[in-house]
Amino acid sequence: MSKSYKADALSNEFHNFLADLESLLKETTHLSGEELSQAREKIRRRVESAKESAVHLGSEIAEGAGKVAATANHEVHEEPWKAIGAGAAVGLLLGLLFARR
């Protein structure tokens, strides 16, 4: 899964969660007794599901970031002059960009 796909999935899960909560809150305004207890249980299950999704996607994103960092670390140690040159080039471009403003 790509990084942007994971972020989109997490964002979609959050928006779906909020939509579900709004819907459930609207449904519960006229409930009482057993119906209200069932609605509360439905909300609790949905909250748990959203938490699990967020934790799962967050751990996948962290794992991907760790792999990228390990790869970058390996590349810098293998060819440090390329890394220094790339850093200098990026610094020069950013300097030129900010100097124009």
PDB file of N, CA and C in Angstrom:
ATOM      1  N   MET A   1       0.830  -1.171   0.000  1.00  0.00           N
ATOM      2  CA  MET A   1       0.000   0.000   0.000  1.00  0.00           C
ATOM      3  C   MET A   1       0.883   1.245   0.000  1.00  0.00           C
ATOM      4  N   SER A   2       0.579   2.233  -0.815  1.00  0.00           N
ATOM      5  CA  SER A   2       1.377   3.440  -0.863  1.00  0.00           C
ATOM      6  C   SER A   2       1.022   4.331   0.325  1.00  0.00           C
ATOM      7  N   LYS A   3       1.937   5.245   0.604  1.00  0.00           N
ATOM      8  CA  LYS A   3       1.768   6.140   1.739  1.00  0.00           C
ATOM      9  C   LYS A   3       0.528   7.008   1.586  1.00  0.00           C
ATOM     10  N   SER A   4       0.308   7.566   0.382  1.00  0.00           N
ATOM     11  CA  SER A   4      -0.853   8.423   0.175  1.00  0.00           C
ATOM     12  C   SER A   4      -2.151   7.619   0.240  1.00  0.00           C
ATOM     13  N   TYR A   5      -2.101   6.355  -0.220  1.00  0.00           N
ATOM     14  CA  TYR A   5      -3.289   5.506  -0.131  1.00  0.00           C
ATOM     15  C   TYR A   5      -3.647   5.260   1.324  1.00  0.00           C
ATOM     16  N   LYS A   6      -2.644   5.011   2.167  1.00  0.00           N
ATOM     17  CA  LYS A   6      -2.896   4.767   3.585  1.00  0.00           C
ATOM     18  C   LYS A   6      -3.466   6.008   4.248  1.00  0.00           C
ATOM     19  N   ALA A   7      -2.916   7.163   3.909  1.00  0.00           N
ATOM     20  CA  ALA A   7      -3.425   8.408   4.481  1.00  0.00           C
ATOM     21  C   ALA A   7      -4.860   8.647   4.026  1.00  0.00           C
ATOM     22  N   ASP A   8      -5.143   8.375   2.745  1.00  0.00           N
ATOM     23  CA  ASP A   8      -6.509   8.519   2.239  1.00  0.00           C
ATOM     24  C   ASP A   8      -7.452   7.542   2.930  1.00  0.00           C
ATOM     25  N   ALA A   9      -6.987   6.314   3.143  1.00  0.00           N
ATOM     26  CA  ALA A   9      -7.815   5.315   3.810  1.00  0.00           C
ATOM     27  C   ALA A   9      -8.123   5.745   5.238  1.00  0.00           C
ATOM     28  N   LEU A  10      -7.132   6.290   5.928  1.00  0.00           N
ATOM     29  CA  LEU A  10      -7.338   6.755   7.295  1.00  0.00           C
ATOM     30  C   LEU A  10      -8.303   7.930   7.318  1.00  0.00           C
ATOM     31  N   SER A  11      -8.145   8.838   6.383  1.00  0.00           N
ATOM     32  CA  SER A  11      -9.052   9.983   6.283  1.00  0.00           C
ATOM     33  C   SER A  11     -10.474   9.526   5.977  1.00  0.00           C
ATOM     34  N   ASN A  12     -10.615   8.593   5.044  1.00  0.00           N
ATOM     35  CA  ASN A  12     -11.950   8.067   4.711  1.00  0.00           C
ATOM     36  C   ASN A  12     -12.583   7.363   5.903  1.00  0.00           C
ATOM     37  N   GLU A  13     -11.779   6.594   6.633  1.00  0.00           N
ATOM     38  CA  GLU A  13     -12.296   5.902   7.819  1.00  0.00           C
ATOM     39  C   GLU A  13     -12.809   6.912   8.837  1.00  0.00           C
ATOM     40  N   PHE A  14     -12.069   7.993   9.028  1.00  0.00           N
ATOM     41  CA  PHE A  14     -12.477   9.027   9.977  1.00  0.00           C
ATOM     42  C   PHE A  14     -13.776   9.695   9.538  1.00  0.00           C
ATOM     43  N   HIS A  15     -13.888  10.030   8.248  1.00  0.00           N
ATOM     44  CA  HIS A  15     -15.107  10.664   7.755  1.00  0.00           C
ATOM     45  C   HIS A  15     -16.298   9.710   7.835  1.00  0.00           C
ATOM     46  N   ASN A  16     -16.084   8.447   7.529  1.00  0.00           N
ATOM     47  CA  ASN A  16     -17.156   7.451   7.654  1.00  0.00           C
ATOM     48  C   ASN A  16     -17.592   7.308   9.102  1.00  0.00           C
ATOM     49  N   PHE A  17     -16.615   7.314  10.000  1.00  0.00           N
ATOM     50  CA  PHE A  17     -16.900   7.214  11.430  1.00  0.00           C
ATOM     51  C   PHE A  17     -17.778   8.382  11.874  1.00  0.00           C
ATOM     52  N   LEU A  18     -17.402   9.602  11.477  1.00  0.00           N
ATOM     53  CA  LEU A  18     -18.190  10.771  11.857  1.00  0.00           C
ATOM     54  C   LEU A  18     -19.597  10.714  11.267  1.00  0.00           C
ATOM     55  N   ALA A  19     -19.708  10.266  10.035  1.00  0.00           N
ATOM     56  CA  ALA A  19     -21.032  10.153   9.405  1.00  0.00           C
ATOM     57  C   ALA A  19     -21.888   9.126  10.143  1.00  0.00           C
ATOM     58  N   ASP A  20     -21.275   8.003  10.515  1.00  0.00           N
ATOM     59  CA  ASP A  20     -22.015   6.983  11.261  1.00  0.00           C
ATOM     60  C   ASP A  20     -22.471   7.515  12.612  1.00  0.00           C
ATOM     61  N   LEU A  21     -21.596   8.241  13.293  1.00  0.00           N
ATOM     62  CA  LEU A  21     -21.975   8.799  14.594  1.00  0.00           C
ATOM     63  C   LEU A  21     -23.112   9.803  14.462  1.00  0.00           C
ATOM     64  N   GLU A  22     -23.033  10.675  13.471  1.00  0.00           N
ATOM     65  CA  GLU A  22     -24.112  11.644  13.257  1.00  0.00           C
ATOM     66  C   GLU A  22     -25.432  10.930  12.993  1.00  0.00           C
ATOM     67  N   SER A  23     -25.383   9.902  12.177  1.00  0.00           N
ATOM     68  CA  SER A  23     -26.587   9.137  11.861  1.00  0.00           C
ATOM     69  C   SER A  23     -27.152   8.476  13.112  1.00  0.00           C
ATOM     70  N   LEU A  24     -26.280   7.867  13.894  1.00  0.00           N
ATOM     71  CA  LEU A  24     -26.742   7.205  15.115  1.00  0.00           C
ATOM     72  C   LEU A  24     -27.299   8.200  16.125  1.00  0.00           C
ATOM     73  N   LEU A  25     -26.674   9.356  16.222  1.00  0.00           N
ATOM     74  CA  LEU A  25     -27.185  10.364  17.150  1.00  0.00           C
ATOM     75  C   LEU A  25     -28.571  10.851  16.739  1.00  0.00           C
ATOM     76  N   LYS A  26     -28.789  11.012  15.445  1.00  0.00           N
ATOM     77  CA  LYS A  26     -30.114  11.416  14.963  1.00  0.00           C
ATOM     78  C   LYS A  26     -31.160  10.344  15.266  1.00  0.00           C
ATOM     79  N   GLU A  27     -30.758   9.080  15.120  1.00  0.00           N
ATOM     80  CA  GLU A  27     -31.683   7.972  15.370  1.00  0.00           C
ATOM     81  C   GLU A  27     -32.040   7.849  16.853  1.00  0.00           C
ATOM     82  N   THR A  28     -31.141   8.236  17.727  1.00  0.00           N
ATOM     83  CA  THR A  28     -31.347   8.011  19.159  1.00  0.00           C
ATOM     84  C   THR A  28     -32.111   9.130  19.856  1.00  0.00           C
ATOM     85  N   THR A  29     -32.460  10.190  19.179  1.00  0.00           N
ATOM     86  CA  THR A  29     -33.133  11.308  19.840  1.00  0.00           C
ATOM     87  C   THR A  29     -34.506  10.930  20.389  1.00  0.00           C
ATOM     88  N   HIS A  30     -35.147   9.961  19.780  1.00  0.00           N
ATOM     89  CA  HIS A  30     -36.495   9.584  20.222  1.00  0.00           C
ATOM     90  C   HIS A  30     -36.550   8.197  20.870  1.00  0.00           C
ATOM     91  N   LEU A  31     -35.398   7.614  21.126  1.00  0.00           N
ATOM     92  CA  LEU A  31     -35.354   6.267  21.695  1.00  0.00           C
ATOM     93  C   LEU A  31     -35.349   6.303  23.223  1.00  0.00           C
ATOM     94  N   SER A  32     -35.791   5.197  23.797  1.00  0.00           N
ATOM     95  CA  SER A  32     -35.724   5.056  25.249  1.00  0.00           C
ATOM     96  C   SER A  32     -35.600   3.576  25.579  1.00  0.00           C
ATOM     97  N   GLY A  33     -35.167   3.294  26.789  1.00  0.00           N
ATOM     98  CA  GLY A  33     -35.107   1.922  27.274  1.00  0.00           C
ATOM     99  C   GLY A  33     -34.171   1.034  26.488  1.00  0.00           C
ATOM    100  N   GLU A  34     -34.697  -0.114  26.063  1.00  0.00           N
ATOM    101  CA  GLU A  34     -33.896  -1.134  25.373  1.00  0.00           C
ATOM    102  C   GLU A  34     -33.360  -0.630  24.040  1.00  0.00           C
ATOM    103  N   GLU A  35     -34.162   0.147  23.318  1.00  0.00           N
ATOM    104  CA  GLU A  35     -33.696   0.678  22.032  1.00  0.00           C
ATOM    105  C   GLU A  35     -32.482   1.578  22.213  1.00  0.00           C
ATOM    106  N   LEU A  36     -32.504   2.378  23.266  1.00  0.00           N
ATOM    107  CA  LEU A  36     -31.381   3.273  23.553  1.00  0.00           C
ATOM    108  C   LEU A  36     -30.138   2.477  23.926  1.00  0.00           C
ATOM    109  N   SER A  37     -30.310   1.420  24.681  1.00  0.00           N
ATOM    110  CA  SER A  37     -29.179   0.559  25.040  1.00  0.00           C
ATOM    111  C   SER A  37     -28.575  -0.087  23.802  1.00  0.00           C
ATOM    112  N   GLN A  38     -29.417  -0.523  22.879  1.00  0.00           N
ATOM    113  CA  GLN A  38     -28.922  -1.119  21.633  1.00  0.00           C
ATOM    114  C   GLN A  38     -28.156  -0.081  20.803  1.00  0.00           C
ATOM    115  N   ALA A  39     -28.672   1.135  20.760  1.00  0.00           N
ATOM    116  CA  ALA A  39     -28.005   2.196  20.003  1.00  0.00           C
ATOM    117  C   ALA A  39     -26.644   2.524  20.623  1.00  0.00           C
ATOM    118  N   ARG A  40     -26.595   2.559  21.948  1.00  0.00           N
ATOM    119  CA  ARG A  40     -25.317   2.814  22.631  1.00  0.00           C
ATOM    120  C   ARG A  40     -24.312   1.716  22.319  1.00  0.00           C
ATOM    121  N   GLU A  41     -24.768   0.488  22.303  1.00  0.00           N
ATOM    122  CA  GLU A  41     -23.882  -0.635  21.986  1.00  0.00           C
ATOM    123  C   GLU A  41     -23.397  -0.537  20.537  1.00  0.00           C
ATOM    124  N   LYS A  42     -24.263  -0.119  19.641  1.00  0.00           N
ATOM    125  CA  LYS A  42     -23.879   0.049  18.239  1.00  0.00           C
ATOM    126  C   LYS A  42     -22.811   1.143  18.109  1.00  0.00           C
ATOM    127  N   ILE A  43     -22.983   2.227  18.828  1.00  0.00           N
ATOM    128  CA  ILE A  43     -21.993   3.316  18.823  1.00  0.00           C
ATOM    129  C   ILE A  43     -20.673   2.816  19.403  1.00  0.00           C
ATOM    130  N   ARG A  44     -20.723   2.073  20.499  1.00  0.00           N
ATOM    131  CA  ARG A  44     -19.505   1.557  21.117  1.00  0.00           C
ATOM    132  C   ARG A  44     -18.742   0.652  20.153  1.00  0.00           C
ATOM    133  N   ARG A  45     -19.470  -0.229  19.449  1.00  0.00           N
ATOM    134  CA  ARG A  45     -18.826  -1.123  18.480  1.00  0.00           C
ATOM    135  C   ARG A  45     -18.192  -0.333  17.338  1.00  0.00           C
ATOM    136  N   ARG A  46     -18.890   0.703  16.886  1.00  0.00           N
ATOM    137  CA  ARG A  46     -18.355   1.523  15.783  1.00  0.00           C
ATOM    138  C   ARG A  46     -17.103   2.277  16.228  1.00  0.00           C
ATOM    139  N   VAL A  47     -17.088   2.775  17.446  1.00  0.00           N
ATOM    140  CA  VAL A  47     -15.908   3.467  17.976  1.00  0.00           C
ATOM    141  C   VAL A  47     -14.734   2.493  18.059  1.00  0.00           C
ATOM    142  N   GLU A  48     -14.984   1.291  18.543  1.00  0.00           N
ATOM    143  CA  GLU A  48     -13.924   0.276  18.631  1.00  0.00           C
ATOM    144  C   GLU A  48     -13.383  -0.074  17.248  1.00  0.00           C
ATOM    145  N   SER A  49     -14.279  -0.205  16.287  1.00  0.00           N
ATOM    146  CA  SER A  49     -13.860  -0.522  14.924  1.00  0.00           C
ATOM    147  C   SER A  49     -12.989   0.595  14.345  1.00  0.00           C
ATOM    148  N   ALA A  50     -13.370   1.838  14.582  1.00  0.00           N
ATOM    149  CA  ALA A  50     -12.593   2.973  14.082  1.00  0.00           C
ATOM    150  C   ALA A  50     -11.224   3.032  14.750  1.00  0.00           C
ATOM    151  N   LYS A  51     -11.171   2.733  16.045  1.00  0.00           N
ATOM    152  CA  LYS A  51      -9.889   2.723  16.754  1.00  0.00           C
ATOM    153  C   LYS A  51      -8.965   1.658  16.178  1.00  0.00           C
ATOM    154  N   GLU A  52      -9.505   0.469  15.941  1.00  0.00           N
ATOM    155  CA  GLU A  52      -8.699  -0.626  15.391  1.00  0.00           C
ATOM    156  C   GLU A  52      -8.173  -0.266  14.004  1.00  0.00           C
ATOM    157  N   SER A  53      -9.019   0.336  13.183  1.00  0.00           N
ATOM    158  CA  SER A  53      -8.585   0.743  11.843  1.00  0.00           C
ATOM    159  C   SER A  53      -7.482   1.782  11.914  1.00  0.00           C
ATOM    160  N   ALA A  54      -7.641   2.756  12.797  1.00  0.00           N
ATOM    161  CA  ALA A  54      -6.638   3.811  12.936  1.00  0.00           C
ATOM    162  C   ALA A  54      -5.307   3.245  13.425  1.00  0.00           C
ATOM    163  N   VAL A  55      -5.358   2.344  14.392  1.00  0.00           N
ATOM    164  CA  VAL A  55      -4.128   1.734  14.903  1.00  0.00           C
ATOM    165  C   VAL A  55      -3.454   0.907  13.816  1.00  0.00           C
ATOM    166  N   HIS A  56      -4.232   0.128  13.071  1.00  0.00           N
ATOM    167  CA  HIS A  56      -3.686  -0.718  12.012  1.00  0.00           C
ATOM    168  C   HIS A  56      -3.026   0.137  10.923  1.00  0.00           C
ATOM    169  N   LEU A  57      -3.739   1.143  10.438  1.00  0.00           N
ATOM    170  CA  LEU A  57      -3.183   1.997   9.396  1.00  0.00           C
ATOM    171  C   LEU A  57      -1.988   2.794   9.907  1.00  0.00           C
ATOM    172  N   GLY A  58      -2.059   3.240  11.142  1.00  0.00           N
ATOM    173  CA  GLY A  58      -0.930   3.975  11.721  1.00  0.00           C
ATOM    174  C   GLY A  58       0.317   3.121  11.822  1.00  0.00           C
ATOM    175  N   SER A  59       0.151   1.867  12.207  1.00  0.00           N
ATOM    176  CA  SER A  59       1.317   0.990  12.302  1.00  0.00           C
ATOM    177  C   SER A  59       1.882   0.675  10.922  1.00  0.00           C
ATOM    178  N   GLU A  60       1.026   0.552   9.909  1.00  0.00           N
ATOM    179  CA  GLU A  60       1.504   0.338   8.550  1.00  0.00           C
ATOM    180  C   GLU A  60       2.286   1.546   8.049  1.00  0.00           C
ATOM    181  N   ILE A  61       1.803   2.737   8.339  1.00  0.00           N
ATOM    182  CA  ILE A  61       2.499   3.958   7.933  1.00  0.00           C
ATOM    183  C   ILE A  61       3.845   4.056   8.644  1.00  0.00           C
ATOM    184  N   ALA A  62       3.870   3.753   9.935  1.00  0.00           N
ATOM    185  CA  ALA A  62       5.130   3.796  10.689  1.00  0.00           C
ATOM    186  C   ALA A  62       6.121   2.765  10.160  1.00  0.00           C
ATOM    187  N   GLU A  63       5.628   1.591   9.817  1.00  0.00           N
ATOM    188  CA  GLU A  63       6.501   0.551   9.273  1.00  0.00           C
ATOM    189  C   GLU A  63       7.096   0.996   7.939  1.00  0.00           C
ATOM    190  N   GLY A  64       6.277   1.589   7.098  1.00  0.00           N
ATOM    191  CA  GLY A  64       6.756   2.096   5.813  1.00  0.00           C
ATOM    192  C   GLY A  64       7.786   3.202   5.985  1.00  0.00           C
ATOM    193  N   ALA A  65       7.543   4.094   6.942  1.00  0.00           N
ATOM    194  CA  ALA A  65       8.493   5.169   7.204  1.00  0.00           C
ATOM    195  C   ALA A  65       9.815   4.612   7.716  1.00  0.00           C
ATOM    196  N   GLY A  66       9.750   3.582   8.524  1.00  0.00           N
ATOM    197  CA  GLY A  66      10.967   2.941   9.022  1.00  0.00           C
ATOM    198  C   GLY A  66      11.778   2.318   7.902  1.00  0.00           C
ATOM    199  N   LYS A  67      11.084   1.705   6.946  1.00  0.00           N
ATOM    200  CA  LYS A  67      11.780   1.101   5.800  1.00  0.00           C
ATOM    201  C   LYS A  67      12.453   2.179   4.952  1.00  0.00           C
ATOM    202  N   VAL A  68      11.764   3.285   4.733  1.00  0.00           N
ATOM    203  CA  VAL A  68      12.339   4.385   3.957  1.00  0.00           C
ATOM    204  C   VAL A  68      13.563   4.950   4.680  1.00  0.00           C
ATOM    205  N   ALA A  69      13.467   5.120   5.986  1.00  0.00           N
ATOM    206  CA  ALA A  69      14.599   5.638   6.752  1.00  0.00           C
ATOM    207  C   ALA A  69      15.782   4.679   6.706  1.00  0.00           C
ATOM    208  N   ALA A  70      15.521   3.381   6.806  1.00  0.00           N
ATOM    209  CA  ALA A  70      16.601   2.395   6.750  1.00  0.00           C
ATOM    210  C   ALA A  70      17.270   2.403   5.375  1.00  0.00           C
ATOM    211  N   THR A  71      16.467   2.523   4.317  1.00  0.00           N
ATOM    212  CA  THR A  71      17.016   2.579   2.966  1.00  0.00           C
ATOM    213  C   THR A  71      17.859   3.832   2.781  1.00  0.00           C
ATOM    214  N   ALA A  72      17.356   4.960   3.245  1.00  0.00           N
ATOM    215  CA  ALA A  72      18.111   6.214   3.134  1.00  0.00           C
ATOM    216  C   ALA A  72      19.412   6.121   3.924  1.00  0.00           C
ATOM    217  N   ASN A  73      19.358   5.551   5.111  1.00  0.00           N
ATOM    218  CA  ASN A  73      20.555   5.388   5.935  1.00  0.00           C
ATOM    219  C   ASN A  73      21.585   4.525   5.212  1.00  0.00           C
ATOM    220  N   HIS A  74      21.136   3.450   4.626  1.00  0.00           N
ATOM    221  CA  HIS A  74      22.035   2.555   3.894  1.00  0.00           C
ATOM    222  C   HIS A  74      22.674   3.282   2.711  1.00  0.00           C
ATOM    223  N   GLU A  75      21.862   4.014   1.956  1.00  0.00           N
ATOM    224  CA  GLU A  75      22.378   4.737   0.791  1.00  0.00           C
ATOM    225  C   GLU A  75      23.393   5.796   1.192  1.00  0.00           C
ATOM    226  N   VAL A  76      23.130   6.513   2.267  1.00  0.00           N
ATOM    227  CA  VAL A  76      24.056   7.558   2.720  1.00  0.00           C
ATOM    228  C   VAL A  76      25.377   6.942   3.158  1.00  0.00           C
ATOM    229  N   HIS A  77      25.324   5.806   3.813  1.00  0.00           N
ATOM    230  CA  HIS A  77      26.562   5.156   4.252  1.00  0.00           C
ATOM    231  C   HIS A  77      27.329   4.545   3.082  1.00  0.00           C
ATOM    232  N   GLU A  78      26.618   4.088   2.064  1.00  0.00           N
ATOM    233  CA  GLU A  78      27.278   3.490   0.901  1.00  0.00           C
ATOM    234  C   GLU A  78      27.918   4.545   0.005  1.00  0.00           C
ATOM    235  N   GLU A  79      27.217   5.653  -0.209  1.00  0.00           N
ATOM    236  CA  GLU A  79      27.718   6.692  -1.103  1.00  0.00           C
ATOM    237  C   GLU A  79      27.483   8.069  -0.480  1.00  0.00           C
ATOM    238  N   PRO A  80      28.316   8.442   0.491  1.00  0.00           N
ATOM    239  CA  PRO A  80      28.083   9.702   1.218  1.00  0.00           C
ATOM    240  C   PRO A  80      28.213  10.942   0.339  1.00  0.00           C
ATOM    241  N   TRP A  81      29.068  10.918  -0.673  1.00  0.00           N
ATOM    242  CA  TRP A  81      29.238  12.111  -1.497  1.00  0.00           C
ATOM    243  C   TRP A  81      27.995  12.398  -2.326  1.00  0.00           C
ATOM    244  N   LYS A  82      27.294  11.367  -2.722  1.00  0.00           N
ATOM    245  CA  LYS A  82      26.032  11.590  -3.440  1.00  0.00           C
ATOM    246  C   LYS A  82      25.013  12.258  -2.516  1.00  0.00           C
ATOM    247  N   ALA A  83      24.974  11.806  -1.282  1.00  0.00           N
ATOM    248  CA  ALA A  83      24.040  12.383  -0.314  1.00  0.00           C
ATOM    249  C   ALA A  83      24.398  13.839  -0.030  1.00  0.00           C
ATOM    250  N   ILE A  84      25.699  14.112   0.117  1.00  0.00           N
ATOM    251  CA  ILE A  84      26.141  15.490   0.368  1.00  0.00           C
ATOM    252  C   ILE A  84      25.787  16.372  -0.830  1.00  0.00           C
ATOM    253  N   GLY A  85      26.033  15.864  -2.041  1.00  0.00           N
ATOM    254  CA  GLY A  85      25.702  16.622  -3.245  1.00  0.00           C
ATOM    255  C   GLY A  85      24.214  16.869  -3.373  1.00  0.00           C
ATOM    256  N   ALA A  86      23.415  15.844  -3.093  1.00  0.00           N
ATOM    257  CA  ALA A  86      21.959  16.007  -3.167  1.00  0.00           C
ATOM    258  C   ALA A  86      21.476  17.015  -2.132  1.00  0.00           C
ATOM    259  N   GLY A  87      22.016  16.934  -0.918  1.00  0.00           N
ATOM    260  CA  GLY A  87      21.640  17.895   0.124  1.00  0.00           C
ATOM    261  C   GLY A  87      22.023  19.311  -0.259  1.00  0.00           C
ATOM    262  N   ALA A  88      23.213  19.469  -0.847  1.00  0.00           N
ATOM    263  CA  ALA A  88      23.654  20.792  -1.278  1.00  0.00           C
ATOM    264  C   ALA A  88      22.754  21.325  -2.392  1.00  0.00           C
ATOM    265  N   ALA A  89      22.387  20.462  -3.331  1.00  0.00           N
ATOM    266  CA  ALA A  89      21.514  20.881  -4.437  1.00  0.00           C
ATOM    267  C   ALA A  89      20.148  21.310  -3.914  1.00  0.00           C
ATOM    268  N   VAL A  90      19.589  20.549  -3.006  1.00  0.00           N
ATOM    269  CA  VAL A  90      18.286  20.909  -2.430  1.00  0.00           C
ATOM    270  C   VAL A  90      18.401  22.222  -1.669  1.00  0.00           C
ATOM    271  N   GLY A  91      19.478  22.365  -0.896  1.00  0.00           N
ATOM    272  CA  GLY A  91      19.694  23.612  -0.153  1.00  0.00           C
ATOM    273  C   GLY A  91      19.819  24.807  -1.082  1.00  0.00           C
ATOM    274  N   LEU A  92      20.539  24.639  -2.188  1.00  0.00           N
ATOM    275  CA  LEU A  92      20.701  25.715  -3.161  1.00  0.00           C
ATOM    276  C   LEU A  92      19.355  26.088  -3.770  1.00  0.00           C
ATOM    277  N   LEU A  93      18.584  25.079  -4.174  1.00  0.00           N
ATOM    278  CA  LEU A  93      17.270  25.355  -4.763  1.00  0.00           C
ATOM    279  C   LEU A  93      16.337  26.055  -3.778  1.00  0.00           C
ATOM    280  N   LEU A  94      16.339  25.585  -2.530  1.00  0.00           N
ATOM    281  CA  LEU A  94      15.488  26.249  -1.520  1.00  0.00           C
ATOM    282  C   LEU A  94      15.961  27.674  -1.271  1.00  0.00           C
ATOM    283  N   GLY A  95      17.284  27.871  -1.236  1.00  0.00           N
ATOM    284  CA  GLY A  95      17.823  29.226  -1.051  1.00  0.00           C
ATOM    285  C   GLY A  95      17.414  30.146  -2.169  1.00  0.00           C
ATOM    286  N   LEU A  96      17.488  29.661  -3.394  1.00  0.00           N
ATOM    287  CA  LEU A  96      17.068  30.470  -4.537  1.00  0.00           C
ATOM    288  C   LEU A  96      15.565  30.763  -4.496  1.00  0.00           C
ATOM    289  N   LEU A  97      14.796  29.767  -4.125  1.00  0.00           N
ATOM    290  CA  LEU A  97      13.345  29.928  -4.044  1.00  0.00           C
ATOM    291  C   LEU A  97      12.967  30.981  -2.995  1.00  0.00           C
ATOM    292  N   PHE A  98      13.564  30.910  -1.820  1.00  0.00           N
ATOM    293  CA  PHE A  98      13.220  31.853  -0.752  1.00  0.00           C
ATOM    294  C   PHE A  98      13.817  33.224  -1.004  1.00  0.00           C
ATOM    295  N   ALA A  99      14.926  33.303  -1.729  1.00  0.00           N
ATOM    296  CA  ALA A  99      15.529  34.595  -2.039  1.00  0.00           C
ATOM    297  C   ALA A  99      14.658  35.390  -3.014  1.00  0.00           C
ATOM    298  N   ARG A 100      13.901  34.682  -3.830  1.00  0.00           N
ATOM    299  CA  ARG A 100      13.042  35.356  -4.814  1.00  0.00           C
ATOM    300  C   ARG A 100      11.827  35.999  -4.154  1.00  0.00           C
ATOM    301  N   ARG A 101      11.464  35.550  -3.008  1.00  0.00           N
ATOM    302  CA  ARG A 101      10.248  36.080  -2.343  1.00  0.00           C
ATOM    303  C   ARG A 101      10.597  37.274  -1.579  1.00  0.00           C
TER     304      ARG A 101
END
